[in-house]
Amino acid sequence: MFVSGQGLNEMSKERPGIKHIENHTNTFLKSLEKVEAGLSAKIQYLTQVSTGMFSFTIICEPILN
């Protein structure tokens, strides 16, 4: 969130630096992508645990192979 604040701060200047705004925006978007990936992994894990797929994969699959 700090990076998004920096971008907004730059835009509020009388003569904002477009390059600075683009850099702050890109950094913020990369941060959001990391958060999204982390949340997706957690949701996938919770889905597996709640449906029993996690147990099957961890316990039964090695036995079947």
N, C-alpha and C. Protein backbone atom coordinates (compact mmCIF):
# COMPACT_ATOMS: atom_id res chain seq x y z
N MET A 1 0.81 -1.19 0.00
CA MET A 1 0.00 0.00 0.00
C MET A 1 0.86 1.26 0.00
N PHE A 2 2.05 1.14 0.54
CA PHE A 2 2.97 2.28 0.56
C PHE A 2 3.25 2.75 -0.86
N VAL A 3 3.45 1.79 -1.77
CA VAL A 3 3.77 2.13 -3.16
C VAL A 3 2.60 2.85 -3.82
N SER A 4 1.38 2.39 -3.54
CA SER A 4 0.23 3.07 -4.15
C SER A 4 0.12 4.51 -3.63
N GLY A 5 0.47 4.72 -2.37
CA GLY A 5 0.47 6.07 -1.80
C GLY A 5 1.50 6.95 -2.47
N GLN A 6 2.66 6.36 -2.80
CA GLN A 6 3.70 7.13 -3.49
C GLN A 6 3.21 7.56 -4.87
N GLY A 7 2.52 6.66 -5.55
CA GLY A 7 1.99 7.01 -6.87
C GLY A 7 0.97 8.12 -6.79
N LEU A 8 0.08 8.04 -5.80
CA LEU A 8 -0.92 9.10 -5.62
C LEU A 8 -0.26 10.41 -5.25
N ASN A 9 0.76 10.33 -4.41
CA ASN A 9 1.49 11.54 -4.02
C ASN A 9 2.13 12.19 -5.24
N GLU A 10 2.70 11.38 -6.10
CA GLU A 10 3.33 11.91 -7.32
C GLU A 10 2.30 12.57 -8.23
N MET A 11 1.12 11.96 -8.34
CA MET A 11 0.08 12.52 -9.20
C MET A 11 -0.47 13.84 -8.65
N SER A 12 -0.38 14.04 -7.34
CA SER A 12 -0.92 15.26 -6.76
C SER A 12 0.01 16.46 -6.93
N LYS A 13 1.22 16.21 -7.39
CA LYS A 13 2.17 17.31 -7.60
C LYS A 13 1.73 18.18 -8.77
N GLU A 14 2.20 19.40 -8.75
CA GLU A 14 1.86 20.33 -9.83
C GLU A 14 2.38 19.82 -11.17
N ARG A 15 3.57 19.24 -11.16
CA ARG A 15 4.16 18.69 -12.38
C ARG A 15 4.57 17.25 -12.08
N PRO A 16 3.62 16.32 -12.16
CA PRO A 16 3.94 14.93 -11.83
C PRO A 16 4.87 14.31 -12.87
N GLY A 17 5.78 13.48 -12.39
CA GLY A 17 6.68 12.76 -13.29
C GLY A 17 6.01 11.49 -13.77
N ILE A 18 5.70 11.45 -15.05
CA ILE A 18 4.98 10.30 -15.62
C ILE A 18 5.76 9.01 -15.39
N LYS A 19 7.07 9.06 -15.53
CA LYS A 19 7.89 7.86 -15.35
C LYS A 19 7.78 7.35 -13.91
N HIS A 20 7.78 8.28 -12.95
CA HIS A 20 7.65 7.88 -11.54
C HIS A 20 6.29 7.24 -11.29
N ILE A 21 5.26 7.83 -11.87
CA ILE A 21 3.91 7.29 -11.71
C ILE A 21 3.83 5.88 -12.30
N GLU A 22 4.40 5.71 -13.48
CA GLU A 22 4.39 4.39 -14.12
C GLU A 22 5.16 3.38 -13.27
N ASN A 23 6.31 3.77 -12.73
CA ASN A 23 7.09 2.85 -11.90
C ASN A 23 6.32 2.45 -10.64
N HIS A 24 5.71 3.42 -9.97
CA HIS A 24 4.94 3.12 -8.76
C HIS A 24 3.74 2.24 -9.09
N THR A 25 3.10 2.52 -10.21
CA THR A 25 1.93 1.73 -10.62
C THR A 25 2.34 0.30 -10.91
N ASN A 26 3.43 0.12 -11.65
CA ASN A 26 3.89 -1.23 -11.98
C ASN A 26 4.29 -2.00 -10.73
N THR A 27 4.96 -1.34 -9.80
CA THR A 27 5.35 -2.00 -8.56
C THR A 27 4.12 -2.41 -7.77
N PHE A 28 3.13 -1.54 -7.72
CA PHE A 28 1.89 -1.85 -7.01
C PHE A 28 1.18 -3.03 -7.65
N LEU A 29 1.11 -3.05 -8.98
CA LEU A 29 0.45 -4.16 -9.67
C LEU A 29 1.17 -5.48 -9.43
N LYS A 30 2.49 -5.46 -9.40
CA LYS A 30 3.25 -6.68 -9.10
C LYS A 30 2.97 -7.17 -7.68
N SER A 31 2.84 -6.24 -6.76
CA SER A 31 2.49 -6.60 -5.38
C SER A 31 1.11 -7.25 -5.33
N LEU A 32 0.17 -6.68 -6.06
CA LEU A 32 -1.18 -7.26 -6.10
C LEU A 32 -1.17 -8.66 -6.70
N GLU A 33 -0.35 -8.87 -7.73
CA GLU A 33 -0.25 -10.19 -8.35
C GLU A 33 0.28 -11.22 -7.35
N LYS A 34 1.26 -10.83 -6.54
CA LYS A 34 1.79 -11.74 -5.52
C LYS A 34 0.73 -12.07 -4.48
N VAL A 35 -0.02 -11.07 -4.07
CA VAL A 35 -1.09 -11.30 -3.09
C VAL A 35 -2.15 -12.23 -3.69
N GLU A 36 -2.52 -11.98 -4.93
CA GLU A 36 -3.52 -12.81 -5.60
C GLU A 36 -3.05 -14.26 -5.71
N ALA A 37 -1.78 -14.46 -6.08
CA ALA A 37 -1.24 -15.81 -6.19
C ALA A 37 -1.25 -16.52 -4.83
N GLY A 38 -0.89 -15.80 -3.79
CA GLY A 38 -0.89 -16.38 -2.45
C GLY A 38 -2.30 -16.76 -2.01
N LEU A 39 -3.25 -15.88 -2.26
CA LEU A 39 -4.64 -16.17 -1.89
C LEU A 39 -5.18 -17.35 -2.69
N SER A 40 -4.85 -17.41 -3.97
CA SER A 40 -5.31 -18.52 -4.80
C SER A 40 -4.76 -19.85 -4.29
N ALA A 41 -3.50 -19.87 -3.90
CA ALA A 41 -2.89 -21.09 -3.37
C ALA A 41 -3.58 -21.51 -2.07
N LYS A 42 -3.87 -20.55 -1.21
CA LYS A 42 -4.55 -20.86 0.05
C LYS A 42 -5.97 -21.38 -0.20
N ILE A 43 -6.67 -20.76 -1.13
CA ILE A 43 -8.03 -21.20 -1.46
C ILE A 43 -8.00 -22.61 -2.03
N GLN A 44 -7.04 -22.89 -2.90
CA GLN A 44 -6.92 -24.22 -3.48
C GLN A 44 -6.65 -25.25 -2.39
N TYR A 45 -5.75 -24.95 -1.48
CA TYR A 45 -5.45 -25.85 -0.36
C TYR A 45 -6.69 -26.10 0.48
N LEU A 46 -7.40 -25.02 0.84
CA LEU A 46 -8.60 -25.17 1.67
C LEU A 46 -9.68 -25.97 0.95
N THR A 47 -9.79 -25.80 -0.36
CA THR A 47 -10.75 -26.56 -1.14
C THR A 47 -10.40 -28.05 -1.11
N GLN A 48 -9.12 -28.36 -1.26
CA GLN A 48 -8.69 -29.75 -1.22
C GLN A 48 -8.95 -30.37 0.15
N VAL A 49 -8.64 -29.63 1.20
CA VAL A 49 -8.84 -30.15 2.54
C VAL A 49 -10.32 -30.36 2.82
N SER A 50 -11.14 -29.42 2.42
CA SER A 50 -12.56 -29.51 2.72
C SER A 50 -13.27 -30.60 1.91
N THR A 51 -12.73 -30.97 0.76
CA THR A 51 -13.36 -32.00 -0.06
C THR A 51 -12.73 -33.37 0.14
N GLY A 52 -11.70 -33.45 0.96
CA GLY A 52 -11.06 -34.73 1.21
C GLY A 52 -10.00 -35.10 0.18
N MET A 53 -9.84 -34.29 -0.85
CA MET A 53 -8.83 -34.59 -1.87
C MET A 53 -7.43 -34.54 -1.29
N PHE A 54 -7.21 -33.66 -0.33
CA PHE A 54 -5.89 -33.53 0.27
C PHE A 54 -5.50 -34.84 0.95
N SER A 55 -6.42 -35.41 1.69
CA SER A 55 -6.15 -36.66 2.40
C SER A 55 -5.84 -37.77 1.41
N PHE A 56 -6.64 -37.87 0.36
CA PHE A 56 -6.41 -38.90 -0.64
C PHE A 56 -5.05 -38.75 -1.29
N THR A 57 -4.72 -37.55 -1.67
CA THR A 57 -3.46 -37.29 -2.36
C THR A 57 -2.27 -37.61 -1.47
N ILE A 58 -2.32 -37.21 -0.22
CA ILE A 58 -1.19 -37.39 0.69
C ILE A 58 -1.09 -38.83 1.19
N ILE A 59 -2.20 -39.47 1.48
CA ILE A 59 -2.17 -40.78 2.12
C ILE A 59 -2.28 -41.93 1.12
N CYS A 60 -3.27 -41.87 0.24
CA CYS A 60 -3.58 -43.03 -0.61
C CYS A 60 -2.78 -43.08 -1.89
N GLU A 61 -2.49 -41.97 -2.48
CA GLU A 61 -1.81 -41.99 -3.77
C GLU A 61 -0.46 -42.69 -3.72
N PRO A 62 0.40 -42.44 -2.71
CA PRO A 62 1.67 -43.18 -2.66
C PRO A 62 1.48 -44.68 -2.52
N ILE A 63 0.42 -45.10 -1.86
CA ILE A 63 0.16 -46.53 -1.69
C ILE A 63 -0.24 -47.15 -3.03
N LEU A 64 -1.02 -46.43 -3.80
CA LEU A 64 -1.49 -46.94 -5.10
C LEU A 64 -0.38 -46.99 -6.14
N ASN A 65 0.63 -46.18 -5.97
CA ASN A 65 1.74 -46.18 -6.95
C ASN A 65 2.71 -47.22 -6.54
